[in-house]
Amino acid sequence: MTATLTVRDETTSSFDEDHVFLLDLPSERVTVEQLIRTRVRREVEDYNASTSEHFKGLVQPSDAERTLNGFKVRKGRRIDPDEQCGKAVEAFGRNGFILLVDDRQAEKLVPLVGG
């Protein structure tokens, strides 16, 4: 059974405002790592399918510059989803961002249960 999760990004950085979107998950039970990877893959797929120079994602791609509109990526460059997923999981592990699930902070890469 699949599940749909509402994701709300909140940040203190100057270039990003609160961002809300729906994320489809393969099941109601996922690990924190699966959640992060699913989210990052979606944002990379969205960017790679667009013509934008600015990537608005969880972590900064390599060779990208932070700007007011997101991360400026060299024109025509495609972002590698596996590389971005690895960076995001690593960032979570070193407290580069926090993840709240039902207003509770996920502190480790452990299974989550929807409902």
C-alpha atoms as a PDB file:
ATOM      1  CA  MET A   1       0.000   0.000   0.000  1.00  0.00           C
ATOM      2  CA  THR A   2       1.386   3.408  -0.962  1.00  0.00           C
ATOM      3  CA  ALA A   3       1.253   6.535   1.176  1.00  0.00           C
ATOM      4  CA  THR A   4       1.295  10.262   0.466  1.00  0.00           C
ATOM      5  CA  LEU A   5       3.227  12.539   2.785  1.00  0.00           C
ATOM      6  CA  THR A   6       2.957  16.313   3.044  1.00  0.00           C
ATOM      7  CA  VAL A   7       6.463  17.790   3.198  1.00  0.00           C
ATOM      8  CA  ARG A   8       7.006  21.294   4.537  1.00  0.00           C
ATOM      9  CA  ASP A   9      10.460  22.804   4.241  1.00  0.00           C
ATOM     10  CA  GLU A  10      11.236  25.571   6.684  1.00  0.00           C
ATOM     11  CA  THR A  11      14.580  27.310   6.680  1.00  0.00           C
ATOM     12  CA  THR A  12      16.391  30.279   8.103  1.00  0.00           C
ATOM     13  CA  SER A  13      18.329  30.856   4.870  1.00  0.00           C
ATOM     14  CA  SER A  14      17.621  34.015   2.942  1.00  0.00           C
ATOM     15  CA  PHE A  15      16.898  32.423  -0.451  1.00  0.00           C
ATOM     16  CA  ASP A  16      14.184  29.972   0.466  1.00  0.00           C
ATOM     17  CA  GLU A  17      10.725  30.476   1.834  1.00  0.00           C
ATOM     18  CA  ASP A  18       8.530  27.794   3.325  1.00  0.00           C
ATOM     19  CA  HIS A  19       7.893  25.196   0.641  1.00  0.00           C
ATOM     20  CA  VAL A  20       5.104  22.598   0.826  1.00  0.00           C
ATOM     21  CA  PHE A  21       4.658  19.627  -1.503  1.00  0.00           C
ATOM     22  CA  LEU A  22       3.266  16.084  -1.555  1.00  0.00           C
ATOM     23  CA  LEU A  23       5.584  13.109  -1.731  1.00  0.00           C
ATOM     24  CA  ASP A  24       4.383   9.636  -2.731  1.00  0.00           C
ATOM     25  CA  LEU A  25       6.021   6.817  -0.779  1.00  0.00           C
ATOM     26  CA  PRO A  26       6.027   3.117  -1.689  1.00  0.00           C
ATOM     27  CA  SER A  27       4.484   2.133   1.670  1.00  0.00           C
ATOM     28  CA  GLU A  28       3.271   3.559   4.964  1.00  0.00           C
ATOM     29  CA  ARG A  29       6.362   2.214   6.695  1.00  0.00           C
ATOM     30  CA  VAL A  30       9.660   3.747   5.578  1.00  0.00           C
ATOM     31  CA  THR A  31      13.018   4.492   7.127  1.00  0.00           C
ATOM     32  CA  VAL A  32      14.258   8.036   7.580  1.00  0.00           C
ATOM     33  CA  GLU A  33      16.906   7.272   4.956  1.00  0.00           C
ATOM     34  CA  GLN A  34      14.253   6.078   2.476  1.00  0.00           C
ATOM     35  CA  LEU A  35      12.244   9.230   3.120  1.00  0.00           C
ATOM     36  CA  ILE A  36      15.267  11.472   2.515  1.00  0.00           C
ATOM     37  CA  ARG A  37      16.275   9.560  -0.620  1.00  0.00           C
ATOM     38  CA  THR A  38      12.734   9.618  -2.053  1.00  0.00           C
ATOM     39  CA  ARG A  39      12.470  13.351  -1.465  1.00  0.00           C
ATOM     40  CA  VAL A  40      15.910  14.111  -2.948  1.00  0.00           C
ATOM     41  CA  ARG A  41      15.308  11.910  -6.012  1.00  0.00           C
ATOM     42  CA  ARG A  42      12.071  13.775  -6.680  1.00  0.00           C
ATOM     43  CA  GLU A  43      13.677  17.210  -6.477  1.00  0.00           C
ATOM     44  CA  VAL A  44      16.556  16.097  -8.739  1.00  0.00           C
ATOM     45  CA  GLU A  45      14.106  14.589 -11.267  1.00  0.00           C
ATOM     46  CA  ASP A  46      12.079  17.821 -11.229  1.00  0.00           C
ATOM     47  CA  TYR A  47      15.207  19.906 -11.777  1.00  0.00           C
ATOM     48  CA  ASN A  48      16.618  17.671 -14.532  1.00  0.00           C
ATOM     49  CA  ALA A  49      13.258  17.810 -16.373  1.00  0.00           C
ATOM     50  CA  SER A  50      13.192  21.623 -16.211  1.00  0.00           C
ATOM     51  CA  THR A  51      15.174  24.308 -18.014  1.00  0.00           C
ATOM     52  CA  SER A  52      15.937  26.259 -14.864  1.00  0.00           C
ATOM     53  CA  GLU A  53      19.474  27.240 -13.879  1.00  0.00           C
ATOM     54  CA  HIS A  54      18.463  27.196 -10.213  1.00  0.00           C
ATOM     55  CA  PHE A  55      18.131  24.031  -8.189  1.00  0.00           C
ATOM     56  CA  LYS A  56      15.970  24.347  -5.076  1.00  0.00           C
ATOM     57  CA  GLY A  57      16.824  21.282  -3.097  1.00  0.00           C
ATOM     58  CA  LEU A  58      17.690  19.939   0.298  1.00  0.00           C
ATOM     59  CA  VAL A  59      21.475  20.006  -0.228  1.00  0.00           C
ATOM     60  CA  GLN A  60      23.774  21.960  -2.527  1.00  0.00           C
ATOM     61  CA  PRO A  61      24.984  20.128  -5.643  1.00  0.00           C
ATOM     62  CA  SER A  62      28.728  20.088  -6.308  1.00  0.00           C
ATOM     63  CA  ASP A  63      29.922  22.925  -8.553  1.00  0.00           C
ATOM     64  CA  ALA A  64      26.816  24.981  -7.732  1.00  0.00           C
ATOM     65  CA  GLU A  65      26.712  28.484  -6.314  1.00  0.00           C
ATOM     66  CA  ARG A  66      24.316  29.535  -3.541  1.00  0.00           C
ATOM     67  CA  THR A  67      22.138  32.450  -4.702  1.00  0.00           C
ATOM     68  CA  LEU A  68      18.949  34.184  -3.611  1.00  0.00           C
ATOM     69  CA  ASN A  69      16.929  31.876  -5.905  1.00  0.00           C
ATOM     70  CA  GLY A  70      18.478  28.575  -4.866  1.00  0.00           C
ATOM     71  CA  PHE A  71      21.661  26.899  -6.039  1.00  0.00           C
ATOM     72  CA  LYS A  72      22.819  28.172  -9.440  1.00  0.00           C
ATOM     73  CA  VAL A  73      23.930  25.254 -11.581  1.00  0.00           C
ATOM     74  CA  ARG A  74      26.016  25.491 -14.748  1.00  0.00           C
ATOM     75  CA  LYS A  75      23.694  25.756 -17.763  1.00  0.00           C
ATOM     76  CA  GLY A  76      22.808  22.366 -19.243  1.00  0.00           C
ATOM     77  CA  ARG A  77      24.231  20.410 -16.310  1.00  0.00           C
ATOM     78  CA  ARG A  78      22.207  17.459 -15.071  1.00  0.00           C
ATOM     79  CA  ILE A  79      22.368  16.638 -11.389  1.00  0.00           C
ATOM     80  CA  ASP A  80      23.200  13.074 -10.343  1.00  0.00           C
ATOM     81  CA  PRO A  81      20.410  11.797  -8.046  1.00  0.00           C
ATOM     82  CA  ASP A  82      22.655   9.175  -6.394  1.00  0.00           C
ATOM     83  CA  GLU A  83      25.265  11.800  -5.512  1.00  0.00           C
ATOM     84  CA  GLN A  84      22.603  14.145  -4.123  1.00  0.00           C
ATOM     85  CA  CYS A  85      21.024  11.330  -2.075  1.00  0.00           C
ATOM     86  CA  GLY A  86      24.404  10.451  -0.581  1.00  0.00           C
ATOM     87  CA  LYS A  87      25.062  14.094   0.311  1.00  0.00           C
ATOM     88  CA  ALA A  88      21.629  14.451   1.906  1.00  0.00           C
ATOM     89  CA  VAL A  89      21.942  11.296   4.030  1.00  0.00           C
ATOM     90  CA  GLU A  90      25.432  12.385   5.105  1.00  0.00           C
ATOM     91  CA  ALA A  91      24.168  15.886   5.954  1.00  0.00           C
ATOM     92  CA  PHE A  92      21.370  14.420   8.078  1.00  0.00           C
ATOM     93  CA  GLY A  93      23.888  12.235   9.902  1.00  0.00           C
ATOM     94  CA  ARG A  94      25.973  15.267  10.859  1.00  0.00           C
ATOM     95  CA  ASN A  95      22.938  17.401  11.785  1.00  0.00           C
ATOM     96  CA  GLY A  96      23.062  19.459   8.587  1.00  0.00           C
ATOM     97  CA  PHE A  97      19.268  19.629   8.779  1.00  0.00           C
ATOM     98  CA  ILE A  98      16.585  18.249  11.047  1.00  0.00           C
ATOM     99  CA  LEU A  99      13.593  16.145  10.126  1.00  0.00           C
ATOM    100  CA  LEU A 100      10.318  16.384  12.015  1.00  0.00           C
ATOM    101  CA  VAL A 101       7.694  13.673  11.660  1.00  0.00           C
ATOM    102  CA  ASP A 102       4.370  14.513  13.300  1.00  0.00           C
ATOM    103  CA  ASP A 103       6.158  17.301  15.227  1.00  0.00           C
ATOM    104  CA  ARG A 104       8.764  14.881  16.621  1.00  0.00           C
ATOM    105  CA  GLN A 105      12.404  15.097  15.606  1.00  0.00           C
ATOM    106  CA  ALA A 106      13.787  12.026  13.867  1.00  0.00           C
ATOM    107  CA  GLU A 107      17.244  11.591  15.340  1.00  0.00           C
ATOM    108  CA  LYS A 108      18.487   8.458  13.609  1.00  0.00           C
ATOM    109  CA  LEU A 109      18.044   6.612  10.349  1.00  0.00           C
ATOM    110  CA  VAL A 110      15.281   4.384  11.796  1.00  0.00           C
ATOM    111  CA  PRO A 111      11.939   3.122  10.457  1.00  0.00           C
ATOM    112  CA  LEU A 112       8.932   5.465  10.523  1.00  0.00           C
ATOM    113  CA  VAL A 113       5.331   4.331  10.595  1.00  0.00           C
ATOM    114  CA  GLY A 114       2.546   6.385   9.006  1.00  0.00           C
ATOM    115  CA  GLY A 115      -0.906   6.674  10.364  1.00  0.00           C
END
